[in-house]
Amino acid sequence: MIEKHGRGLRYITSGCVKSGAGDLASRLKTILEGLREVIAAHAPTEVAVEKVFVNVNPQSTLALGQARGTAICAAVIAGLPVSEYTALQVKQSVVGNGHAAKGQVQDMVRRLLALPGEPAEDAADALACAICHAHGARLGALSLRGLRMRRGRLA
């Protein structure tokens, strides 16, 4: 979670809701309850979520989509607006390169939020999505203008 003051950004918190073991329904319930607690504790006004990409393993993609849907439901139930961004948009916004490596994202998140050390990869990804949203909200709708299409994919 970050807070935006004018053009400045301030780190609030980051963490991980672990779903543990068990059947899918129980794990999704754990995610929903964990996010409801975070929302109640920190009272965010907006939520930014990274869009799911299709990877090599369809089961992983499906599980990620279900967890993401649960996160979106937690926000919607709390009456929060939800914005979605692709990984390319997030990296472009934070690093200036849509194909940046994880380490570059971590370093820029640390710098932009004046963190004392590099955040963990998952925390950096989530914070980068929040930073992207903060930049997009300031600029109006974050667009893909300036990015080229190459063989049907953004380059």
C-alpha atoms as a PDB file:
ATOM      1  CA  MET A   1       0.000   0.000   0.000  1.00  0.00           C
ATOM      2  CA  ILE A   2       1.174   3.474  -0.835  1.00  0.00           C
ATOM      3  CA  GLU A   3      -0.168   6.952  -0.287  1.00  0.00           C
ATOM      4  CA  LYS A   4      -0.070   9.701  -2.870  1.00  0.00           C
ATOM      5  CA  HIS A   5       0.503  13.332  -1.850  1.00  0.00           C
ATOM      6  CA  GLY A   6       0.537  15.593  -4.899  1.00  0.00           C
ATOM      7  CA  ARG A   7       3.342  14.152  -6.986  1.00  0.00           C
ATOM      8  CA  GLY A   8       4.975  12.350  -4.060  1.00  0.00           C
ATOM      9  CA  LEU A   9       4.463   8.749  -3.021  1.00  0.00           C
ATOM     10  CA  ARG A  10       4.806   7.322   0.478  1.00  0.00           C
ATOM     11  CA  TYR A  11       5.117   3.667   1.446  1.00  0.00           C
ATOM     12  CA  ILE A  12       2.441   2.504   3.906  1.00  0.00           C
ATOM     13  CA  THR A  13       2.768  -1.283   4.118  1.00  0.00           C
ATOM     14  CA  SER A  14       3.166  -4.473   2.142  1.00  0.00           C
ATOM     15  CA  GLY A  15       2.755  -8.105   2.946  1.00  0.00           C
ATOM     16  CA  CYS A  16       1.388 -11.420   1.798  1.00  0.00           C
ATOM     17  CA  VAL A  17      -1.859 -13.203   2.501  1.00  0.00           C
ATOM     18  CA  LYS A  18      -0.918 -16.880   2.565  1.00  0.00           C
ATOM     19  CA  SER A  19      -3.682 -19.283   1.642  1.00  0.00           C
ATOM     20  CA  GLY A  20      -2.008 -22.338   3.162  1.00  0.00           C
ATOM     21  CA  ALA A  21      -3.084 -25.880   2.435  1.00  0.00           C
ATOM     22  CA  GLY A  22      -6.541 -27.262   1.884  1.00  0.00           C
ATOM     23  CA  ASP A  23      -9.115 -27.358  -0.834  1.00  0.00           C
ATOM     24  CA  LEU A  24      -9.498 -24.499  -3.294  1.00  0.00           C
ATOM     25  CA  ALA A  25     -12.633 -23.053  -1.690  1.00  0.00           C
ATOM     26  CA  SER A  26     -10.955 -22.853   1.742  1.00  0.00           C
ATOM     27  CA  ARG A  27      -7.846 -21.239   0.282  1.00  0.00           C
ATOM     28  CA  LEU A  28      -9.883 -18.623  -1.596  1.00  0.00           C
ATOM     29  CA  LYS A  29     -11.848 -17.908   1.596  1.00  0.00           C
ATOM     30  CA  THR A  30      -8.554 -17.340   3.436  1.00  0.00           C
ATOM     31  CA  ILE A  31      -7.479 -14.858   0.745  1.00  0.00           C
ATOM     32  CA  LEU A  32     -10.833 -13.050   0.901  1.00  0.00           C
ATOM     33  CA  GLU A  33     -10.787 -12.804   4.698  1.00  0.00           C
ATOM     34  CA  GLY A  34      -7.140 -11.725   4.767  1.00  0.00           C
ATOM     35  CA  LEU A  35      -7.749  -8.935   2.264  1.00  0.00           C
ATOM     36  CA  ARG A  36     -10.888  -7.828   4.099  1.00  0.00           C
ATOM     37  CA  GLU A  37      -8.736  -7.457   7.253  1.00  0.00           C
ATOM     38  CA  VAL A  38      -6.123  -5.427   5.362  1.00  0.00           C
ATOM     39  CA  ILE A  39      -8.826  -3.180   3.888  1.00  0.00           C
ATOM     40  CA  ALA A  40     -10.421  -2.688   7.328  1.00  0.00           C
ATOM     41  CA  ALA A  41      -7.055  -1.925   8.967  1.00  0.00           C
ATOM     42  CA  HIS A  42      -5.726   0.534   6.368  1.00  0.00           C
ATOM     43  CA  ALA A  43      -8.868   1.934   4.674  1.00  0.00           C
ATOM     44  CA  PRO A  44      -7.518   2.300   1.134  1.00  0.00           C
ATOM     45  CA  THR A  45      -9.534   4.417  -1.286  1.00  0.00           C
ATOM     46  CA  GLU A  46      -8.598   2.569  -4.498  1.00  0.00           C
ATOM     47  CA  VAL A  47      -7.214  -0.796  -5.563  1.00  0.00           C
ATOM     48  CA  ALA A  48      -4.856  -1.645  -8.420  1.00  0.00           C
ATOM     49  CA  VAL A  49      -4.522  -5.215  -9.670  1.00  0.00           C
ATOM     50  CA  GLU A  50      -2.181  -6.705 -12.233  1.00  0.00           C
ATOM     51  CA  LYS A  51      -3.916  -8.457 -15.121  1.00  0.00           C
ATOM     52  CA  VAL A  52      -3.314 -12.175 -15.465  1.00  0.00           C
ATOM     53  CA  PHE A  53      -1.067 -13.327 -18.258  1.00  0.00           C
ATOM     54  CA  VAL A  54      -1.247 -16.794 -19.761  1.00  0.00           C
ATOM     55  CA  ASN A  55       1.894 -18.748 -19.013  1.00  0.00           C
ATOM     56  CA  VAL A  56       3.136 -22.198 -19.949  1.00  0.00           C
ATOM     57  CA  ASN A  57       1.265 -23.990 -17.157  1.00  0.00           C
ATOM     58  CA  PRO A  58      -2.525 -23.641 -17.579  1.00  0.00           C
ATOM     59  CA  GLN A  59      -3.160 -24.864 -14.010  1.00  0.00           C
ATOM     60  CA  SER A  60      -0.982 -22.064 -12.586  1.00  0.00           C
ATOM     61  CA  THR A  61      -2.731 -19.520 -14.777  1.00  0.00           C
ATOM     62  CA  LEU A  62      -6.145 -20.739 -13.621  1.00  0.00           C
ATOM     63  CA  ALA A  63      -5.155 -20.693  -9.933  1.00  0.00           C
ATOM     64  CA  LEU A  64      -3.726 -17.190 -10.288  1.00  0.00           C
ATOM     65  CA  GLY A  65      -6.916 -16.036 -11.997  1.00  0.00           C
ATOM     66  CA  GLN A  66      -9.051 -17.420  -9.191  1.00  0.00           C
ATOM     67  CA  ALA A  67      -6.930 -15.757  -6.504  1.00  0.00           C
ATOM     68  CA  ARG A  68      -6.987 -12.492  -8.470  1.00  0.00           C
ATOM     69  CA  GLY A  69     -10.777 -12.717  -8.791  1.00  0.00           C
ATOM     70  CA  THR A  70     -11.031 -13.197  -5.042  1.00  0.00           C
ATOM     71  CA  ALA A  71      -8.880 -10.106  -4.471  1.00  0.00           C
ATOM     72  CA  ILE A  72     -11.081  -8.082  -6.804  1.00  0.00           C
ATOM     73  CA  CYS A  73     -14.189  -9.326  -4.956  1.00  0.00           C
ATOM     74  CA  ALA A  74     -12.703  -8.232  -1.613  1.00  0.00           C
ATOM     75  CA  ALA A  75     -12.228  -4.718  -3.014  1.00  0.00           C
ATOM     76  CA  VAL A  76     -15.654  -4.570  -4.662  1.00  0.00           C
ATOM     77  CA  ILE A  77     -17.406  -5.813  -1.506  1.00  0.00           C
ATOM     78  CA  ALA A  78     -15.683  -2.959   0.363  1.00  0.00           C
ATOM     79  CA  GLY A  79     -16.979  -0.494  -2.236  1.00  0.00           C
ATOM     80  CA  LEU A  80     -13.538   0.294  -3.638  1.00  0.00           C
ATOM     81  CA  PRO A  81     -12.867   1.081  -7.288  1.00  0.00           C
ATOM     82  CA  VAL A  82     -10.549  -1.433  -8.962  1.00  0.00           C
ATOM     83  CA  SER A  83      -8.131  -0.598 -11.782  1.00  0.00           C
ATOM     84  CA  GLU A  84      -6.257  -3.237 -13.746  1.00  0.00           C
ATOM     85  CA  TYR A  85      -2.864  -2.978 -15.423  1.00  0.00           C
ATOM     86  CA  THR A  86      -0.803  -5.347 -17.526  1.00  0.00           C
ATOM     87  CA  ALA A  87       2.700  -6.301 -16.416  1.00  0.00           C
ATOM     88  CA  LEU A  88       3.970  -4.327 -19.412  1.00  0.00           C
ATOM     89  CA  GLN A  89       2.121  -1.187 -18.262  1.00  0.00           C
ATOM     90  CA  VAL A  90       3.433  -1.581 -14.707  1.00  0.00           C
ATOM     91  CA  LYS A  91       7.052  -2.011 -15.810  1.00  0.00           C
ATOM     92  CA  GLN A  92       6.783   0.832 -18.325  1.00  0.00           C
ATOM     93  CA  SER A  93       5.386   3.156 -15.661  1.00  0.00           C
ATOM     94  CA  VAL A  94       7.876   2.268 -12.926  1.00  0.00           C
ATOM     95  CA  VAL A  95      11.084   1.493 -14.837  1.00  0.00           C
ATOM     96  CA  GLY A  96      10.470   3.114 -18.213  1.00  0.00           C
ATOM     97  CA  ASN A  97      10.932  -0.224 -19.962  1.00  0.00           C
ATOM     98  CA  GLY A  98       8.032  -2.641 -20.423  1.00  0.00           C
ATOM     99  CA  HIS A  99      10.429  -5.577 -20.536  1.00  0.00           C
ATOM    100  CA  ALA A 100      12.413  -4.705 -17.402  1.00  0.00           C
ATOM    101  CA  ALA A 101      13.822  -7.496 -15.244  1.00  0.00           C
ATOM    102  CA  LYS A 102      12.469  -8.180 -11.746  1.00  0.00           C
ATOM    103  CA  GLY A 103      15.632  -6.736 -10.193  1.00  0.00           C
ATOM    104  CA  GLN A 104      15.124  -3.451 -12.043  1.00  0.00           C
ATOM    105  CA  VAL A 105      11.542  -3.242 -10.788  1.00  0.00           C
ATOM    106  CA  GLN A 106      12.678  -3.931  -7.219  1.00  0.00           C
ATOM    107  CA  ASP A 107      15.364  -1.255  -7.433  1.00  0.00           C
ATOM    108  CA  MET A 108      13.020   1.398  -8.843  1.00  0.00           C
ATOM    109  CA  VAL A 109      10.322   0.616  -6.258  1.00  0.00           C
ATOM    110  CA  ARG A 110      12.956   1.034  -3.536  1.00  0.00           C
ATOM    111  CA  ARG A 111      14.047   4.364  -5.000  1.00  0.00           C
ATOM    112  CA  LEU A 112      10.569   5.744  -5.731  1.00  0.00           C
ATOM    113  CA  LEU A 113       9.310   4.919  -2.243  1.00  0.00           C
ATOM    114  CA  ALA A 114      12.604   5.717  -0.457  1.00  0.00           C
ATOM    115  CA  LEU A 115      12.697   2.277   1.157  1.00  0.00           C
ATOM    116  CA  PRO A 116      15.700   1.379   3.317  1.00  0.00           C
ATOM    117  CA  GLY A 117      16.254  -1.855   1.390  1.00  0.00           C
ATOM    118  CA  GLU A 118      15.014  -3.756  -1.636  1.00  0.00           C
ATOM    119  CA  PRO A 119      11.532  -5.194  -1.185  1.00  0.00           C
ATOM    120  CA  ALA A 120      10.888  -8.886  -1.788  1.00  0.00           C
ATOM    121  CA  GLU A 121       9.902  -9.754  -5.377  1.00  0.00           C
ATOM    122  CA  ASP A 122       6.190 -10.193  -4.595  1.00  0.00           C
ATOM    123  CA  ALA A 123       6.071  -6.987  -2.555  1.00  0.00           C
ATOM    124  CA  ALA A 124       7.928  -5.115  -5.311  1.00  0.00           C
ATOM    125  CA  ASP A 125       5.419  -6.365  -7.902  1.00  0.00           C
ATOM    126  CA  ALA A 126       2.445  -5.254  -5.800  1.00  0.00           C
ATOM    127  CA  LEU A 127       4.005  -1.894  -4.936  1.00  0.00           C
ATOM    128  CA  ALA A 128       4.948  -1.363  -8.594  1.00  0.00           C
ATOM    129  CA  CYS A 129       1.304  -1.924  -9.539  1.00  0.00           C
ATOM    130  CA  ALA A 130       0.266   0.683  -6.939  1.00  0.00           C
ATOM    131  CA  ILE A 131       2.890   3.118  -8.270  1.00  0.00           C
ATOM    132  CA  CYS A 132       1.657   2.527 -11.816  1.00  0.00           C
ATOM    133  CA  HIS A 133      -1.876   3.337 -10.670  1.00  0.00           C
ATOM    134  CA  ALA A 134      -0.699   6.485  -8.895  1.00  0.00           C
ATOM    135  CA  HIS A 135       1.118   7.605 -12.047  1.00  0.00           C
ATOM    136  CA  GLY A 136      -1.859   6.666 -14.226  1.00  0.00           C
ATOM    137  CA  ALA A 137      -4.319   8.492 -11.995  1.00  0.00           C
ATOM    138  CA  ARG A 138      -2.152  11.602 -12.195  1.00  0.00           C
ATOM    139  CA  LEU A 139      -1.891  11.371 -15.985  1.00  0.00           C
ATOM    140  CA  GLY A 140      -5.478  10.350 -16.594  1.00  0.00           C
ATOM    141  CA  ALA A 141      -5.990   6.870 -17.986  1.00  0.00           C
ATOM    142  CA  LEU A 142      -2.651   5.146 -18.330  1.00  0.00           C
ATOM    143  CA  SER A 143      -2.257   4.436 -21.982  1.00  0.00           C
ATOM    144  CA  LEU A 144      -0.087   2.269 -24.143  1.00  0.00           C
ATOM    145  CA  ARG A 145       0.724   5.252 -26.347  1.00  0.00           C
ATOM    146  CA  GLY A 146       4.341   5.252 -27.373  1.00  0.00           C
ATOM    147  CA  LEU A 147       4.605   1.463 -27.288  1.00  0.00           C
ATOM    148  CA  ARG A 148       4.985  -0.389 -30.578  1.00  0.00           C
ATOM    149  CA  MET A 149       3.198  -3.464 -31.745  1.00  0.00           C
ATOM    150  CA  ARG A 150       5.446  -6.247 -32.989  1.00  0.00           C
ATOM    151  CA  ARG A 151       3.868  -9.425 -34.356  1.00  0.00           C
ATOM    152  CA  GLY A 152       0.643  -8.767 -32.482  1.00  0.00           C
ATOM    153  CA  ARG A 153       2.421  -8.121 -29.160  1.00  0.00           C
ATOM    154  CA  LEU A 154       3.460  -4.927 -27.462  1.00  0.00           C
ATOM    155  CA  ALA A 155       7.162  -4.250 -27.753  1.00  0.00           C
END
